[in-house]
N, C-alpha and C. Protein backbone atom coordinates (compact mmCIF):
# COMPACT_ATOMS: atom_id res chain seq x y z
N MET A 1 15.92 -28.35 84.02
CA MET A 1 17.33 -27.94 83.40
C MET A 1 18.27 -29.01 82.85
N LYS A 2 18.29 -29.78 83.40
CA LYS A 2 18.96 -30.86 82.89
C LYS A 2 18.82 -31.53 81.72
N GLU A 3 17.35 -31.82 81.62
CA GLU A 3 16.74 -32.45 80.67
C GLU A 3 16.58 -31.71 79.12
N ARG A 4 16.42 -30.24 79.72
CA ARG A 4 16.32 -29.16 78.45
C ARG A 4 17.93 -28.87 78.15
N GLU A 5 19.02 -29.52 78.42
CA GLU A 5 20.27 -29.16 78.42
C GLU A 5 20.77 -27.50 78.79
N ILE A 6 20.39 -26.94 79.86
CA ILE A 6 20.23 -25.70 80.43
C ILE A 6 21.41 -25.67 81.62
N THR A 7 22.36 -24.92 81.50
CA THR A 7 23.29 -25.20 82.68
C THR A 7 23.06 -24.14 83.59
N GLU A 8 23.61 -24.13 84.61
CA GLU A 8 23.71 -23.22 85.81
C GLU A 8 24.24 -21.88 85.12
N GLU A 9 25.14 -21.98 84.47
CA GLU A 9 26.05 -20.74 83.65
C GLU A 9 25.15 -20.15 83.02
N MET A 10 24.07 -21.05 82.21
CA MET A 10 23.63 -19.90 81.34
C MET A 10 22.13 -19.48 82.27
N VAL A 11 21.77 -19.86 83.32
CA VAL A 11 20.69 -19.18 84.17
C VAL A 11 21.39 -18.03 84.96
N SER A 12 22.52 -18.34 85.22
CA SER A 12 23.08 -17.20 86.13
C SER A 12 23.23 -16.08 84.79
N ALA A 13 23.67 -16.18 83.87
CA ALA A 13 23.76 -15.24 82.76
C ALA A 13 22.50 -14.67 82.54
N ALA A 14 21.54 -15.15 82.27
CA ALA A 14 19.98 -14.64 82.07
C ALA A 14 19.52 -13.91 83.26
N LEU A 15 19.80 -14.38 84.46
CA LEU A 15 19.25 -13.70 85.55
C LEU A 15 20.23 -12.37 85.67
N ASN A 16 21.56 -12.42 85.62
CA ASN A 16 22.59 -11.34 86.00
C ASN A 16 22.60 -10.15 84.96
N PHE A 17 22.46 -10.53 83.44
CA PHE A 17 22.70 -10.04 82.46
C PHE A 17 21.44 -10.10 81.20
N PRO A 18 20.38 -9.77 81.83
CA PRO A 18 19.14 -10.41 80.90
C PRO A 18 18.98 -9.41 79.77
N ASP A 19 18.54 -9.77 78.49
CA ASP A 19 18.14 -8.74 77.46
C ASP A 19 17.16 -8.13 77.48
N ASN A 20 16.06 -8.80 78.68
CA ASN A 20 14.90 -8.29 78.79
C ASN A 20 14.12 -8.99 79.92
N ILE A 21 13.31 -8.28 80.73
CA ILE A 21 12.61 -8.79 81.86
C ILE A 21 11.57 -8.44 81.97
N GLU A 22 10.47 -9.30 82.04
CA GLU A 22 8.74 -9.30 82.09
C GLU A 22 8.57 -9.45 83.54
N CYS A 23 7.39 -8.68 83.95
CA CYS A 23 6.70 -8.79 85.21
C CYS A 23 5.40 -9.42 84.91
N ILE A 24 5.45 -10.66 85.09
CA ILE A 24 3.90 -11.46 85.04
C ILE A 24 2.95 -11.08 86.09
N ASP A 25 3.50 -11.19 87.53
CA ASP A 25 2.61 -10.37 88.50
C ASP A 25 3.54 -9.50 89.69
N GLY A 26 2.93 -9.42 90.62
CA GLY A 26 3.59 -8.72 91.44
C GLY A 26 5.08 -9.53 92.14
N LYS A 27 4.98 -10.79 91.90
CA LYS A 27 6.07 -11.40 92.32
C LYS A 27 7.06 -12.45 91.24
N ARG A 28 6.30 -12.51 90.42
CA ARG A 28 6.81 -13.64 89.16
C ARG A 28 7.44 -12.80 88.30
N LYS A 29 8.67 -13.02 87.75
CA LYS A 29 9.32 -12.55 86.50
C LYS A 29 9.87 -13.35 85.19
N ILE A 30 9.90 -12.89 84.60
CA ILE A 30 10.62 -13.76 83.40
C ILE A 30 12.02 -13.12 82.77
N ALA A 31 13.15 -13.67 83.06
CA ALA A 31 14.11 -13.23 82.72
C ALA A 31 14.79 -13.52 80.95
N GLN A 32 15.07 -12.90 80.24
CA GLN A 32 15.19 -13.64 78.73
C GLN A 32 16.81 -12.98 78.44
N ARG A 33 17.29 -14.12 77.51
CA ARG A 33 18.60 -13.76 77.30
C ARG A 33 18.81 -14.78 76.09
N PHE A 34 19.47 -13.80 75.07
CA PHE A 34 19.92 -14.85 73.65
C PHE A 34 20.86 -15.67 73.98
N ILE A 35 21.00 -16.78 74.04
CA ILE A 35 22.08 -17.83 74.13
C ILE A 35 22.18 -18.61 73.05
N GLU A 36 23.14 -18.65 72.27
CA GLU A 36 23.35 -20.15 71.42
C GLU A 36 22.44 -19.93 70.27
N GLY A 37 21.95 -18.49 69.99
CA GLY A 37 21.00 -18.84 68.51
C GLY A 37 19.53 -18.82 69.06
N LYS A 38 19.10 -19.16 70.74
CA LYS A 38 17.90 -19.12 70.77
C LYS A 38 17.64 -18.20 72.08
N LEU A 39 16.26 -18.12 72.44
CA LEU A 39 15.98 -17.34 73.68
C LEU A 39 15.84 -18.17 74.74
N LEU A 40 16.71 -18.08 75.66
CA LEU A 40 16.50 -18.29 77.15
C LEU A 40 15.61 -17.73 78.10
N ARG A 41 14.69 -18.67 78.52
CA ARG A 41 13.36 -17.56 79.53
C ARG A 41 13.63 -18.41 80.45
N ILE A 42 13.85 -17.50 81.91
CA ILE A 42 13.91 -18.09 82.96
C ILE A 42 12.67 -17.61 83.88
N ILE A 43 11.93 -18.24 84.24
CA ILE A 43 10.82 -17.61 85.35
C ILE A 43 11.14 -18.08 86.70
N TYR A 44 10.91 -16.93 87.30
CA TYR A 44 11.44 -16.72 88.55
C TYR A 44 10.58 -15.86 89.69
N GLU A 45 10.91 -15.94 90.78
CA GLU A 45 10.45 -15.51 92.14
C GLU A 45 11.60 -14.89 92.76
N GLU A 46 11.64 -13.63 93.12
CA GLU A 46 12.32 -13.36 94.30
C GLU A 46 11.97 -12.28 95.38
N ASP A 47 12.68 -12.45 96.62
CA ASP A 47 12.32 -11.76 97.72
C ASP A 47 13.63 -11.21 98.55
N ASP A 48 13.83 -10.60 99.48
CA ASP A 48 15.09 -10.03 99.94
C ASP A 48 16.21 -10.84 100.34
N GLU A 49 15.80 -12.19 100.36
CA GLU A 49 16.93 -13.20 100.73
C GLU A 49 17.23 -14.14 99.53
N ALA A 50 16.49 -14.50 98.46
CA ALA A 50 16.87 -15.60 97.83
C ALA A 50 15.75 -15.34 96.19
N ILE A 51 16.55 -16.00 95.08
CA ILE A 51 15.55 -15.88 93.94
C ILE A 51 15.48 -17.81 93.83
N SER A 52 14.17 -17.85 93.60
CA SER A 52 13.59 -19.17 93.47
C SER A 52 12.95 -19.32 92.00
N ILE A 53 13.91 -20.40 91.35
CA ILE A 53 13.74 -20.53 89.60
C ILE A 53 12.41 -21.67 89.89
N VAL A 54 11.43 -20.85 89.02
CA VAL A 54 10.36 -21.80 88.77
C VAL A 54 10.05 -22.89 87.25
N SER A 55 11.08 -22.11 86.31
CA SER A 55 10.78 -22.75 84.96
C SER A 55 12.10 -22.52 84.51
N ALA A 56 12.92 -23.02 83.43
CA ALA A 56 13.85 -22.40 82.51
C ALA A 56 13.39 -23.26 81.23
N TYR A 57 13.30 -22.54 80.19
CA TYR A 57 13.42 -23.15 78.89
C TYR A 57 14.02 -22.10 77.48
N ARG A 58 14.51 -23.17 76.42
CA ARG A 58 14.85 -22.09 75.41
C ARG A 58 13.59 -22.31 74.17
N THR A 59 13.71 -21.60 73.53
CA THR A 59 12.87 -21.52 72.22
C THR A 59 13.53 -20.67 71.17
N SER A 60 13.17 -21.11 70.02
CA SER A 60 13.43 -20.67 68.91
C SER A 60 12.15 -19.68 68.35
N LYS A 61 11.14 -19.67 68.99
CA LYS A 61 9.84 -18.77 68.83
C LYS A 61 10.02 -17.57 69.44
N VAL A 62 10.84 -16.90 68.88
CA VAL A 62 11.45 -15.37 69.27
C VAL A 62 10.39 -14.33 69.19
N SER A 63 9.45 -14.41 68.01
CA SER A 63 8.74 -13.09 68.06
C SER A 63 7.43 -13.77 68.95
N LYS A 64 7.16 -14.62 69.54
CA LYS A 64 6.11 -15.19 69.86
C LYS A 64 6.44 -14.60 71.66
N TYR A 65 7.80 -14.46 72.01
CA TYR A 65 7.71 -14.18 73.41
C TYR A 65 8.62 -12.91 73.77
N TYR A 66 9.14 -12.25 72.63
CA TYR A 66 10.30 -11.17 72.73
C TYR A 66 9.75 -10.02 71.79
N ARG A 67 9.80 -8.72 71.88
CA ARG A 67 9.11 -8.39 71.04
C ARG A 67 10.23 -7.21 70.67
N GLY A 68 10.53 -6.75 69.46
CA GLY A 68 11.35 -6.00 69.14
C GLY A 68 12.72 -6.65 68.79
N LYS A 69 12.88 -8.07 68.92
CA LYS A 69 14.37 -8.50 68.31
C LYS A 69 14.14 -9.88 67.52
N GLU A 70 14.47 -10.26 66.53
CA GLU A 70 14.31 -11.20 65.90
C GLU A 70 15.21 -12.43 65.67
């Protein structure tokens, strides 16, 4: 996150107020939120006790990852 200049506040906003959530499989999900003109994607897993962040990145390739909004 540090290398990609993604703050904890950005991740929190994407997880708490996502524009979209995609389910990859039974346990891994992707929360997506538009922040600062780019699509922020947070890949995470959750259980009853915690959320584990697998990866976080921003992209300008909105049409590749987000259907219905450009």
